[in-house]
N, C-alpha and C. Protein backbone atom coordinates (compact mmCIF):
# COMPACT_ATOMS: atom_id res chain seq x y z
N UNK A 1 112.98 107.49 85.57
CA UNK A 1 113.30 107.90 86.92
C UNK A 1 112.45 107.05 87.87
N UNK A 2 113.07 106.60 88.93
CA UNK A 2 112.32 105.76 89.87
C UNK A 2 111.37 106.62 90.71
N UNK A 3 110.35 105.98 91.24
CA UNK A 3 109.39 106.68 92.09
C UNK A 3 110.04 107.18 93.37
N UNK A 4 111.00 106.44 93.89
CA UNK A 4 111.69 106.85 95.12
C UNK A 4 112.48 108.13 94.88
N UNK A 5 113.19 108.18 93.79
CA UNK A 5 113.96 109.37 93.45
C UNK A 5 113.04 110.57 93.23
N UNK A 6 111.97 110.36 92.50
CA UNK A 6 111.01 111.44 92.24
C UNK A 6 110.41 111.95 93.55
N UNK A 7 110.11 111.06 94.47
CA UNK A 7 109.54 111.46 95.76
C UNK A 7 110.55 112.25 96.58
N UNK A 8 111.81 111.83 96.57
CA UNK A 8 112.84 112.56 97.32
C UNK A 8 113.04 113.97 96.75
N UNK A 9 113.01 114.10 95.44
CA UNK A 9 113.13 115.42 94.81
C UNK A 9 111.95 116.30 95.21
N UNK A 10 110.75 115.75 95.20
CA UNK A 10 109.56 116.52 95.56
C UNK A 10 109.61 116.97 97.02
N UNK A 11 110.05 116.11 97.90
CA UNK A 11 110.15 116.47 99.33
C UNK A 11 111.18 117.58 99.52
N UNK A 12 112.31 117.46 98.86
CA UNK A 12 113.35 118.49 98.98
C UNK A 12 112.84 119.83 98.45
N UNK A 13 112.16 119.81 97.33
CA UNK A 13 111.59 121.04 96.76
C UNK A 13 110.63 121.69 97.75
N UNK A 14 109.76 120.89 98.34
CA UNK A 14 108.77 121.43 99.29
C UNK A 14 109.46 122.00 100.53
N UNK A 15 110.52 121.35 100.99
CA UNK A 15 111.23 121.87 102.16
C UNK A 15 111.84 123.23 101.86
N UNK A 16 112.44 123.40 100.68
CA UNK A 16 113.00 124.70 100.32
C UNK A 16 111.90 125.75 100.19
N UNK A 17 110.79 125.40 99.56
CA UNK A 17 109.69 126.35 99.42
C UNK A 17 109.12 126.75 100.78
N UNK A 18 109.00 125.79 101.70
CA UNK A 18 108.53 126.10 103.05
C UNK A 18 109.52 127.00 103.78
N UNK A 19 110.80 126.72 103.62
CA UNK A 19 111.82 127.53 104.28
C UNK A 19 111.78 128.97 103.78
N UNK A 20 111.63 129.15 102.48
CA UNK A 20 111.56 130.49 101.91
C UNK A 20 110.29 131.20 102.35
N UNK A 21 109.18 130.49 102.38
CA UNK A 21 107.91 131.09 102.80
C UNK A 21 107.97 131.57 104.25
N UNK A 22 108.81 130.95 105.06
CA UNK A 22 108.92 131.31 106.47
C UNK A 22 109.79 132.54 106.71
N UNK A 23 110.52 132.98 105.68
CA UNK A 23 111.36 134.18 105.84
C UNK A 23 110.46 135.41 105.91
N UNK A 24 110.84 136.36 106.77
CA UNK A 24 109.98 137.51 107.05
C UNK A 24 110.20 138.71 106.13
N UNK A 25 111.39 138.86 105.59
CA UNK A 25 111.70 140.05 104.79
C UNK A 25 112.20 139.64 103.42
N UNK A 26 111.93 140.48 102.44
CA UNK A 26 112.39 140.20 101.08
C UNK A 26 113.91 140.14 101.04
N UNK A 27 114.58 140.90 101.89
CA UNK A 27 116.04 140.88 101.94
C UNK A 27 116.53 139.49 102.35
N UNK A 28 115.82 138.87 103.28
CA UNK A 28 116.19 137.52 103.72
C UNK A 28 116.04 136.51 102.58
N UNK A 29 115.00 136.68 101.78
CA UNK A 29 114.79 135.80 100.64
C UNK A 29 115.92 135.97 99.64
N UNK A 30 116.32 137.22 99.38
CA UNK A 30 117.40 137.48 98.43
C UNK A 30 118.73 136.91 98.92
N UNK A 31 118.96 136.91 100.22
CA UNK A 31 120.21 136.40 100.79
C UNK A 31 120.21 134.88 100.94
N UNK A 32 119.06 134.25 100.85
CA UNK A 32 118.97 132.80 101.05
C UNK A 32 119.82 132.06 100.04
N UNK A 33 120.70 131.22 100.53
CA UNK A 33 121.62 130.46 99.67
C UNK A 33 121.19 129.00 99.65
N UNK A 34 120.67 128.55 98.54
CA UNK A 34 120.20 127.17 98.41
C UNK A 34 121.30 126.15 98.66
N UNK A 35 122.52 126.51 98.35
CA UNK A 35 123.63 125.56 98.48
C UNK A 35 124.11 125.43 99.92
N UNK A 36 123.60 126.28 100.80
CA UNK A 36 124.08 126.31 102.19
C UNK A 36 123.13 125.58 103.15
N UNK A 37 122.17 124.83 102.65
CA UNK A 37 121.25 124.11 103.52
C UNK A 37 120.05 124.93 103.89
N UNK A 38 119.38 124.58 104.97
CA UNK A 38 118.16 125.25 105.40
C UNK A 38 118.49 126.52 106.16
N UNK A 39 117.67 127.56 106.02
CA UNK A 39 117.94 128.81 106.75
C UNK A 39 117.67 128.65 108.23
N UNK A 40 118.35 129.46 109.02
CA UNK A 40 118.10 129.53 110.45
C UNK A 40 116.91 130.47 110.64
N UNK A 41 115.83 129.97 111.21
CA UNK A 41 114.65 130.78 111.40
C UNK A 41 114.45 131.07 112.88
N UNK A 42 114.10 132.31 113.17
CA UNK A 42 113.82 132.66 114.57
C UNK A 42 112.36 132.37 114.86
N UNK A 43 112.08 131.97 116.08
CA UNK A 43 110.70 131.71 116.48
C UNK A 43 109.99 133.04 116.64
N UNK A 44 108.78 133.11 116.19
CA UNK A 44 108.08 134.36 116.39
C UNK A 44 107.15 134.66 115.35
């Protein structure tokens, strides 16, 4: 596997983990659909 591909996979993984960590309720985490892109997060 090339280093560029490995880096892109790592960045994508971190973005999903950050998005999930930003969700406020466990229900939101359960509803999060990885195939639908990044979640819409409210400021606050």
